[in-house]
N, C-alpha and C. Protein backbone atom coordinates (compact mmCIF):
# COMPACT_ATOMS: atom_id res chain seq x y z
N MET A 1 -31.32 -11.08 -8.01
CA MET A 1 -30.66 -11.94 -8.96
C MET A 1 -29.46 -12.59 -8.27
N ARG A 2 -29.28 -13.87 -8.53
CA ARG A 2 -28.17 -14.63 -7.95
C ARG A 2 -27.18 -14.96 -9.07
N ILE A 3 -25.95 -14.45 -8.92
CA ILE A 3 -24.90 -14.66 -9.91
C ILE A 3 -23.86 -15.59 -9.32
N TYR A 4 -23.63 -16.68 -10.01
CA TYR A 4 -22.70 -17.70 -9.58
C TYR A 4 -21.41 -17.60 -10.39
N PHE A 5 -20.28 -17.51 -9.72
CA PHE A 5 -18.97 -17.46 -10.38
C PHE A 5 -18.25 -18.79 -10.19
N ASP A 6 -17.75 -19.36 -11.28
CA ASP A 6 -16.87 -20.51 -11.14
C ASP A 6 -15.44 -19.99 -11.10
N THR A 7 -14.51 -20.87 -10.83
CA THR A 7 -13.11 -20.48 -10.65
C THR A 7 -12.53 -19.82 -11.89
N SER A 8 -12.82 -20.37 -13.07
CA SER A 8 -12.22 -19.85 -14.31
C SER A 8 -12.54 -18.37 -14.52
N ALA A 9 -13.72 -17.95 -14.11
CA ALA A 9 -14.10 -16.54 -14.26
C ALA A 9 -13.61 -15.71 -13.08
N LEU A 10 -13.67 -16.25 -11.90
CA LEU A 10 -13.28 -15.48 -10.72
C LEU A 10 -11.80 -15.11 -10.75
N VAL A 11 -10.96 -16.01 -11.21
CA VAL A 11 -9.52 -15.72 -11.31
C VAL A 11 -9.28 -14.48 -12.16
N LYS A 12 -10.09 -14.28 -13.18
CA LYS A 12 -9.91 -13.16 -14.11
C LYS A 12 -10.16 -11.80 -13.44
N ASP A 13 -10.79 -11.81 -12.28
CA ASP A 13 -11.00 -10.56 -11.56
C ASP A 13 -9.72 -10.10 -10.86
N PHE A 14 -8.72 -10.96 -10.79
CA PHE A 14 -7.52 -10.66 -10.01
C PHE A 14 -6.22 -10.64 -10.80
N VAL A 15 -6.21 -11.27 -11.96
CA VAL A 15 -5.02 -11.28 -12.80
C VAL A 15 -5.41 -10.83 -14.20
N ASP A 16 -4.47 -10.25 -14.89
CA ASP A 16 -4.75 -9.78 -16.24
C ASP A 16 -4.48 -10.89 -17.25
N GLU A 17 -5.54 -11.32 -17.90
CA GLU A 17 -5.49 -12.33 -18.94
C GLU A 17 -6.72 -12.13 -19.80
N PRO A 18 -6.82 -12.81 -20.94
CA PRO A 18 -8.01 -12.62 -21.77
C PRO A 18 -9.30 -12.84 -20.97
N GLY A 19 -10.22 -11.90 -21.11
CA GLY A 19 -11.49 -11.96 -20.40
C GLY A 19 -11.51 -11.18 -19.09
N SER A 20 -10.33 -10.75 -18.61
CA SER A 20 -10.26 -10.04 -17.33
C SER A 20 -11.02 -8.71 -17.35
N LEU A 21 -10.85 -7.95 -18.41
CA LEU A 21 -11.52 -6.65 -18.49
C LEU A 21 -13.03 -6.82 -18.41
N GLU A 22 -13.56 -7.82 -19.11
CA GLU A 22 -15.00 -8.06 -19.11
C GLU A 22 -15.49 -8.49 -17.72
N VAL A 23 -14.76 -9.39 -17.07
CA VAL A 23 -15.16 -9.85 -15.73
C VAL A 23 -15.11 -8.69 -14.75
N LYS A 24 -14.05 -7.90 -14.79
CA LYS A 24 -13.92 -6.77 -13.88
C LYS A 24 -15.03 -5.75 -14.10
N SER A 25 -15.35 -5.47 -15.35
CA SER A 25 -16.43 -4.52 -15.65
C SER A 25 -17.78 -5.05 -15.18
N PHE A 26 -18.03 -6.31 -15.45
CA PHE A 26 -19.28 -6.94 -15.04
C PHE A 26 -19.43 -6.93 -13.52
N PHE A 27 -18.38 -7.32 -12.83
CA PHE A 27 -18.42 -7.38 -11.37
C PHE A 27 -18.64 -5.98 -10.79
N LYS A 28 -17.94 -5.00 -11.35
CA LYS A 28 -18.07 -3.62 -10.87
C LYS A 28 -19.51 -3.12 -11.02
N GLU A 29 -20.13 -3.43 -12.16
CA GLU A 29 -21.53 -3.03 -12.39
C GLU A 29 -22.47 -3.79 -11.46
N ALA A 30 -22.25 -5.07 -11.30
CA ALA A 30 -23.15 -5.90 -10.49
C ALA A 30 -23.09 -5.53 -9.01
N VAL A 31 -21.90 -5.19 -8.51
CA VAL A 31 -21.74 -4.84 -7.10
C VAL A 31 -22.60 -3.62 -6.73
N LEU A 32 -22.80 -2.74 -7.69
CA LEU A 32 -23.57 -1.51 -7.42
C LEU A 32 -25.07 -1.75 -7.31
N GLN A 33 -25.52 -2.91 -7.72
CA GLN A 33 -26.95 -3.20 -7.70
C GLN A 33 -27.29 -3.96 -6.42
N GLU A 34 -28.25 -3.43 -5.68
CA GLU A 34 -28.60 -3.98 -4.38
C GLU A 34 -29.22 -5.37 -4.45
N GLU A 35 -29.90 -5.68 -5.52
CA GLU A 35 -30.62 -6.95 -5.59
C GLU A 35 -29.76 -8.10 -6.12
N ILE A 36 -28.46 -7.88 -6.24
CA ILE A 36 -27.55 -8.90 -6.74
C ILE A 36 -26.90 -9.62 -5.56
N ASP A 37 -26.93 -10.95 -5.61
CA ASP A 37 -26.21 -11.79 -4.66
C ASP A 37 -25.21 -12.61 -5.44
N PHE A 38 -24.02 -12.78 -4.88
CA PHE A 38 -22.97 -13.56 -5.51
C PHE A 38 -22.80 -14.87 -4.76
N SER A 39 -22.56 -15.93 -5.52
CA SER A 39 -22.33 -17.22 -4.88
C SER A 39 -21.28 -17.99 -5.65
N THR A 40 -20.76 -19.03 -4.99
CA THR A 40 -19.80 -19.92 -5.60
C THR A 40 -19.76 -21.20 -4.80
N SER A 41 -19.00 -22.14 -5.27
CA SER A 41 -18.87 -23.44 -4.63
C SER A 41 -17.80 -23.40 -3.55
N SER A 42 -17.90 -24.32 -2.62
CA SER A 42 -16.88 -24.43 -1.58
C SER A 42 -15.52 -24.80 -2.17
N VAL A 43 -15.50 -25.46 -3.31
CA VAL A 43 -14.24 -25.88 -3.94
C VAL A 43 -13.51 -24.71 -4.60
N THR A 44 -14.19 -23.61 -4.82
CA THR A 44 -13.61 -22.48 -5.55
C THR A 44 -12.39 -21.90 -4.86
N LYS A 45 -12.43 -21.78 -3.55
CA LYS A 45 -11.30 -21.19 -2.84
C LYS A 45 -10.03 -22.00 -3.08
N ALA A 46 -10.11 -23.31 -2.98
CA ALA A 46 -8.94 -24.16 -3.22
C ALA A 46 -8.48 -24.04 -4.66
N GLU A 47 -9.42 -24.01 -5.60
CA GLU A 47 -9.04 -23.90 -7.01
C GLU A 47 -8.37 -22.56 -7.32
N VAL A 48 -8.87 -21.48 -6.74
CA VAL A 48 -8.28 -20.16 -6.97
C VAL A 48 -6.87 -20.12 -6.38
N HIS A 49 -6.72 -20.60 -5.16
CA HIS A 49 -5.39 -20.62 -4.55
C HIS A 49 -4.43 -21.46 -5.40
N ALA A 50 -4.88 -22.59 -5.91
CA ALA A 50 -4.04 -23.43 -6.76
C ALA A 50 -3.65 -22.70 -8.04
N ALA A 51 -4.61 -21.97 -8.63
CA ALA A 51 -4.32 -21.22 -9.86
C ALA A 51 -3.27 -20.13 -9.61
N PHE A 52 -3.44 -19.38 -8.53
CA PHE A 52 -2.47 -18.33 -8.22
C PHE A 52 -1.10 -18.93 -7.89
N SER A 53 -1.08 -20.04 -7.19
CA SER A 53 0.19 -20.71 -6.87
C SER A 53 0.90 -21.18 -8.14
N ALA A 54 0.14 -21.72 -9.08
CA ALA A 54 0.72 -22.14 -10.35
C ALA A 54 1.29 -20.94 -11.10
N MET A 55 0.58 -19.82 -11.07
CA MET A 55 1.09 -18.61 -11.72
C MET A 55 2.39 -18.14 -11.06
N ARG A 56 2.46 -18.30 -9.76
CA ARG A 56 3.69 -17.93 -9.05
C ARG A 56 4.84 -18.86 -9.45
N ARG A 57 4.58 -20.16 -9.45
CA ARG A 57 5.62 -21.13 -9.83
C ARG A 57 6.09 -20.92 -11.27
N ASN A 58 5.16 -20.54 -12.14
CA ASN A 58 5.48 -20.31 -13.56
C ASN A 58 6.03 -18.90 -13.81
N ARG A 59 6.23 -18.17 -12.74
CA ARG A 59 6.81 -16.81 -12.79
C ARG A 59 5.91 -15.81 -13.52
N GLU A 60 4.61 -16.11 -13.57
CA GLU A 60 3.65 -15.16 -14.12
C GLU A 60 3.32 -14.10 -13.08
N LEU A 61 3.52 -14.43 -11.81
CA LEU A 61 3.34 -13.50 -10.70
C LEU A 61 4.63 -13.48 -9.87
N THR A 62 5.09 -12.29 -9.54
CA THR A 62 6.21 -12.18 -8.60
C THR A 62 5.70 -12.54 -7.21
N GLN A 63 6.58 -12.79 -6.28
CA GLN A 63 6.14 -13.12 -4.92
C GLN A 63 5.32 -11.99 -4.31
N PRO A 64 5.76 -10.71 -4.41
CA PRO A 64 4.92 -9.63 -3.87
C PRO A 64 3.55 -9.55 -4.56
N LYS A 65 3.51 -9.71 -5.88
CA LYS A 65 2.24 -9.65 -6.61
C LYS A 65 1.35 -10.83 -6.22
N TYR A 66 1.95 -12.00 -6.05
CA TYR A 66 1.22 -13.19 -5.60
C TYR A 66 0.55 -12.93 -4.25
N GLU A 67 1.32 -12.41 -3.29
CA GLU A 67 0.78 -12.14 -1.96
C GLU A 67 -0.32 -11.09 -2.00
N GLU A 68 -0.12 -10.05 -2.80
CA GLU A 68 -1.14 -9.00 -2.93
C GLU A 68 -2.40 -9.54 -3.59
N THR A 69 -2.24 -10.40 -4.59
CA THR A 69 -3.38 -11.00 -5.28
C THR A 69 -4.17 -11.89 -4.33
N LEU A 70 -3.48 -12.68 -3.52
CA LEU A 70 -4.18 -13.51 -2.52
C LEU A 70 -4.96 -12.67 -1.53
N GLN A 71 -4.38 -11.57 -1.08
CA GLN A 71 -5.06 -10.68 -0.13
C GLN A 71 -6.32 -10.08 -0.75
N ARG A 72 -6.21 -9.63 -2.00
CA ARG A 72 -7.39 -9.07 -2.67
C ARG A 72 -8.47 -10.13 -2.85
N PHE A 73 -8.05 -11.34 -3.22
CA PHE A 73 -9.02 -12.44 -3.37
C PHE A 73 -9.72 -12.73 -2.05
N GLU A 74 -8.98 -12.84 -0.97
CA GLU A 74 -9.59 -13.16 0.33
C GLU A 74 -10.61 -12.09 0.73
N LYS A 75 -10.29 -10.85 0.45
CA LYS A 75 -11.23 -9.76 0.76
C LYS A 75 -12.50 -9.88 -0.11
N ARG A 76 -12.32 -10.11 -1.40
CA ARG A 76 -13.45 -10.22 -2.32
C ARG A 76 -14.30 -11.46 -2.01
N PHE A 77 -13.63 -12.54 -1.64
CA PHE A 77 -14.32 -13.81 -1.40
C PHE A 77 -15.39 -13.68 -0.31
N ARG A 78 -15.22 -12.71 0.57
CA ARG A 78 -16.19 -12.50 1.67
C ARG A 78 -17.57 -12.09 1.17
N VAL A 79 -17.67 -11.54 -0.04
CA VAL A 79 -18.99 -11.12 -0.54
C VAL A 79 -19.79 -12.29 -1.11
N PHE A 80 -19.15 -13.44 -1.27
CA PHE A 80 -19.80 -14.59 -1.86
C PHE A 80 -20.49 -15.46 -0.82
N SER A 81 -21.69 -15.91 -1.18
CA SER A 81 -22.33 -16.98 -0.42
C SER A 81 -21.71 -18.27 -0.92
N ILE A 82 -21.40 -19.16 -0.01
CA ILE A 82 -20.76 -20.41 -0.37
C ILE A 82 -21.80 -21.52 -0.29
N VAL A 83 -21.95 -22.27 -1.37
CA VAL A 83 -22.91 -23.37 -1.40
C VAL A 83 -22.41 -24.46 -0.46
N GLU A 84 -23.25 -24.80 0.47
CA GLU A 84 -22.91 -25.78 1.50
C GLU A 84 -22.78 -27.19 0.91
N VAL A 85 -21.77 -27.91 1.37
CA VAL A 85 -21.57 -29.28 0.90
C VAL A 85 -22.49 -30.20 1.70
N LEU A 86 -23.45 -30.75 1.00
CA LEU A 86 -24.40 -31.70 1.58
C LEU A 86 -24.41 -32.95 0.71
N PRO A 87 -24.92 -34.06 1.24
CA PRO A 87 -24.97 -35.27 0.42
C PRO A 87 -25.66 -35.06 -0.93
N SER A 88 -26.68 -34.22 -0.98
CA SER A 88 -27.37 -33.98 -2.25
C SER A 88 -26.45 -33.32 -3.27
N LEU A 89 -25.57 -32.43 -2.82
CA LEU A 89 -24.61 -31.79 -3.73
C LEU A 89 -23.61 -32.81 -4.25
N ILE A 90 -23.13 -33.65 -3.39
CA ILE A 90 -22.18 -34.69 -3.80
C ILE A 90 -22.84 -35.64 -4.80
N HIS A 91 -24.06 -36.04 -4.52
CA HIS A 91 -24.79 -36.94 -5.42
C HIS A 91 -25.00 -36.29 -6.80
N THR A 92 -25.48 -35.05 -6.79
CA THR A 92 -25.72 -34.34 -8.06
C THR A 92 -24.42 -34.14 -8.83
N SER A 93 -23.34 -33.84 -8.12
CA SER A 93 -22.04 -33.69 -8.78
C SER A 93 -21.64 -34.96 -9.50
N GLY A 94 -21.83 -36.08 -8.85
CA GLY A 94 -21.50 -37.36 -9.46
C GLY A 94 -22.32 -37.63 -10.71
N GLU A 95 -23.60 -37.33 -10.65
CA GLU A 95 -24.46 -37.53 -11.82
C GLU A 95 -24.03 -36.65 -12.98
N ILE A 96 -23.70 -35.39 -12.69
CA ILE A 96 -23.28 -34.47 -13.73
C ILE A 96 -21.95 -34.91 -14.34
N ALA A 97 -21.02 -35.34 -13.50
CA ALA A 97 -19.72 -35.82 -14.00
C ALA A 97 -19.91 -37.02 -14.92
N ARG A 98 -20.80 -37.90 -14.54
CA ARG A 98 -21.06 -39.10 -15.34
C ARG A 98 -21.77 -38.74 -16.65
N ASP A 99 -22.80 -37.91 -16.55
CA ASP A 99 -23.64 -37.62 -17.71
C ASP A 99 -22.97 -36.70 -18.73
N TYR A 100 -22.09 -35.82 -18.29
CA TYR A 100 -21.51 -34.84 -19.20
C TYR A 100 -20.01 -35.01 -19.39
N LYS A 101 -19.44 -36.02 -18.73
CA LYS A 101 -18.02 -36.34 -18.91
C LYS A 101 -17.12 -35.12 -18.73
N ILE A 102 -17.34 -34.43 -17.59
CA ILE A 102 -16.50 -33.28 -17.25
C ILE A 102 -15.71 -33.61 -15.98
N LYS A 103 -14.72 -32.80 -15.69
CA LYS A 103 -13.88 -33.00 -14.51
C LYS A 103 -14.73 -32.90 -13.24
N GLY A 104 -14.25 -33.56 -12.20
CA GLY A 104 -14.98 -33.60 -10.93
C GLY A 104 -15.28 -32.23 -10.34
N CYS A 105 -14.27 -31.37 -10.31
CA CYS A 105 -14.49 -30.03 -9.74
C CYS A 105 -15.46 -29.23 -10.61
N ASP A 106 -15.42 -29.43 -11.91
CA ASP A 106 -16.37 -28.74 -12.79
C ASP A 106 -17.79 -29.23 -12.54
N ALA A 107 -17.94 -30.53 -12.34
CA ALA A 107 -19.26 -31.08 -12.02
C ALA A 107 -19.75 -30.52 -10.69
N PHE A 108 -18.85 -30.38 -9.75
CA PHE A 108 -19.19 -29.81 -8.44
C PHE A 108 -19.65 -28.37 -8.60
N GLN A 109 -19.01 -27.61 -9.50
CA GLN A 109 -19.41 -26.23 -9.75
C GLN A 109 -20.82 -26.17 -10.34
N VAL A 110 -21.09 -26.99 -11.34
CA VAL A 110 -22.42 -26.99 -11.97
C VAL A 110 -23.48 -27.40 -10.94
N ALA A 111 -23.21 -28.44 -10.20
CA ALA A 111 -24.16 -28.90 -9.18
C ALA A 111 -24.40 -27.82 -8.13
N SER A 112 -23.35 -27.11 -7.75
CA SER A 112 -23.50 -26.02 -6.77
C SER A 112 -24.39 -24.91 -7.32
N ALA A 113 -24.18 -24.55 -8.58
CA ALA A 113 -25.01 -23.51 -9.20
C ALA A 113 -26.47 -23.95 -9.28
N LEU A 114 -26.69 -25.21 -9.59
CA LEU A 114 -28.06 -25.74 -9.65
C LEU A 114 -28.72 -25.71 -8.28
N ILE A 115 -28.03 -26.21 -7.28
CA ILE A 115 -28.60 -26.25 -5.93
C ILE A 115 -28.81 -24.85 -5.40
N ASP A 116 -27.94 -23.93 -5.78
CA ASP A 116 -28.05 -22.53 -5.36
C ASP A 116 -29.14 -21.78 -6.12
N GLU A 117 -29.68 -22.42 -7.16
CA GLU A 117 -30.70 -21.79 -8.00
C GLU A 117 -30.19 -20.48 -8.60
N ALA A 118 -28.99 -20.52 -9.14
CA ALA A 118 -28.37 -19.34 -9.73
C ALA A 118 -29.15 -18.88 -10.95
N ASP A 119 -29.26 -17.57 -11.09
CA ASP A 119 -29.89 -16.99 -12.28
C ASP A 119 -28.91 -16.89 -13.43
N LEU A 120 -27.62 -16.84 -13.10
CA LEU A 120 -26.58 -16.72 -14.11
C LEU A 120 -25.31 -17.34 -13.56
N ILE A 121 -24.66 -18.15 -14.38
CA ILE A 121 -23.35 -18.69 -14.02
C ILE A 121 -22.32 -18.03 -14.93
N VAL A 122 -21.25 -17.52 -14.33
CA VAL A 122 -20.17 -16.88 -15.07
C VAL A 122 -19.00 -17.85 -15.09
N SER A 123 -18.62 -18.27 -16.29
CA SER A 123 -17.57 -19.27 -16.43
C SER A 123 -16.95 -19.18 -17.82
N THR A 124 -15.65 -19.44 -17.89
CA THR A 124 -14.97 -19.49 -19.18
C THR A 124 -14.64 -20.92 -19.59
N ASP A 125 -15.05 -21.88 -18.79
CA ASP A 125 -14.77 -23.29 -19.07
C ASP A 125 -15.85 -23.85 -19.99
N GLN A 126 -15.50 -24.17 -21.22
CA GLN A 126 -16.48 -24.56 -22.22
C GLN A 126 -17.23 -25.85 -21.85
N ASP A 127 -16.51 -26.85 -21.34
CA ASP A 127 -17.17 -28.10 -20.96
C ASP A 127 -18.15 -27.87 -19.81
N LEU A 128 -17.71 -27.11 -18.82
CA LEU A 128 -18.59 -26.76 -17.70
C LEU A 128 -19.81 -26.01 -18.21
N ASN A 129 -19.59 -25.06 -19.11
CA ASN A 129 -20.70 -24.26 -19.64
C ASN A 129 -21.71 -25.11 -20.39
N GLU A 130 -21.23 -26.07 -21.16
CA GLU A 130 -22.15 -26.96 -21.89
C GLU A 130 -23.00 -27.78 -20.92
N ALA A 131 -22.37 -28.30 -19.87
CA ALA A 131 -23.11 -29.06 -18.86
C ALA A 131 -24.12 -28.17 -18.13
N ALA A 132 -23.73 -26.93 -17.85
CA ALA A 132 -24.64 -26.00 -17.18
C ALA A 132 -25.84 -25.69 -18.07
N LYS A 133 -25.59 -25.42 -19.35
CA LYS A 133 -26.69 -25.13 -20.28
C LYS A 133 -27.61 -26.33 -20.43
N ALA A 134 -27.05 -27.51 -20.46
CA ALA A 134 -27.86 -28.73 -20.58
C ALA A 134 -28.75 -28.92 -19.35
N ASN A 135 -28.38 -28.27 -18.24
CA ASN A 135 -29.17 -28.33 -17.02
C ASN A 135 -29.97 -27.04 -16.81
N ASP A 136 -30.22 -26.35 -17.92
CA ASP A 136 -31.07 -25.16 -17.94
C ASP A 136 -30.55 -23.97 -17.14
N LEU A 137 -29.23 -23.88 -17.02
CA LEU A 137 -28.65 -22.71 -16.38
C LEU A 137 -28.29 -21.69 -17.46
N ARG A 138 -28.51 -20.43 -17.17
CA ARG A 138 -28.09 -19.35 -18.05
C ARG A 138 -26.60 -19.13 -17.79
N VAL A 139 -25.81 -19.08 -18.86
CA VAL A 139 -24.36 -18.99 -18.74
C VAL A 139 -23.85 -17.77 -19.48
N TRP A 140 -22.85 -17.12 -18.88
CA TRP A 140 -22.12 -16.06 -19.58
C TRP A 140 -20.65 -16.43 -19.59
N ASN A 141 -20.08 -16.52 -20.79
CA ASN A 141 -18.66 -16.77 -20.97
C ASN A 141 -18.00 -15.46 -21.39
N PRO A 142 -17.27 -14.81 -20.46
CA PRO A 142 -16.67 -13.51 -20.79
C PRO A 142 -15.59 -13.57 -21.86
N MET A 143 -15.16 -14.77 -22.22
CA MET A 143 -14.17 -14.91 -23.28
C MET A 143 -14.80 -14.92 -24.67
N ARG A 144 -16.12 -15.16 -24.73
CA ARG A 144 -16.76 -15.35 -26.03
C ARG A 144 -18.00 -14.50 -26.27
N GLU A 145 -18.54 -13.90 -25.21
CA GLU A 145 -19.82 -13.20 -25.33
C GLU A 145 -19.74 -11.81 -24.75
N PRO A 146 -20.56 -10.89 -25.25
CA PRO A 146 -20.59 -9.55 -24.67
C PRO A 146 -21.14 -9.59 -23.23
N ILE A 147 -20.81 -8.58 -22.48
CA ILE A 147 -21.29 -8.50 -21.10
C ILE A 147 -22.81 -8.47 -21.09
N PRO A 148 -23.44 -9.37 -20.31
CA PRO A 148 -24.90 -9.42 -20.30
C PRO A 148 -25.50 -8.27 -19.51
N HIS A 149 -26.70 -7.93 -19.86
CA HIS A 149 -27.45 -6.92 -19.10
C HIS A 149 -28.02 -7.59 -17.86
N ILE A 150 -27.79 -6.99 -16.71
CA ILE A 150 -28.34 -7.56 -15.47
C ILE A 150 -29.26 -6.59 -14.78
């Protein structure tokens, strides 16, 4: 099974906010299963770093907590397969952005999950999730749904 994480869900594995407990529990269960592969988009690393930096600027994370969170993220990020940026991904992202009127990075996430042939996309972004479902992707929103059986 291939599980794709977008930024909105992946951040929840490292900071405590609504949905964090569900993401952490899901990830912990999934890691134990040998047939599970994790993937994400190449844009995710930049988005996660930006999210943590914003939390630091907004004083939601102290400097030591920020540095520790980045270290944990970098270690975890190594388990993910990264969807390669190819012209087909860029083209599909553009079509998705146009057709579903979502942000560029969100369109890139959906296109990456499609090209990666993900069995499940984990995301808390409602617009992204709607575009993913419209493209026949199975979606789990840890903010709104119970943890799926994998």
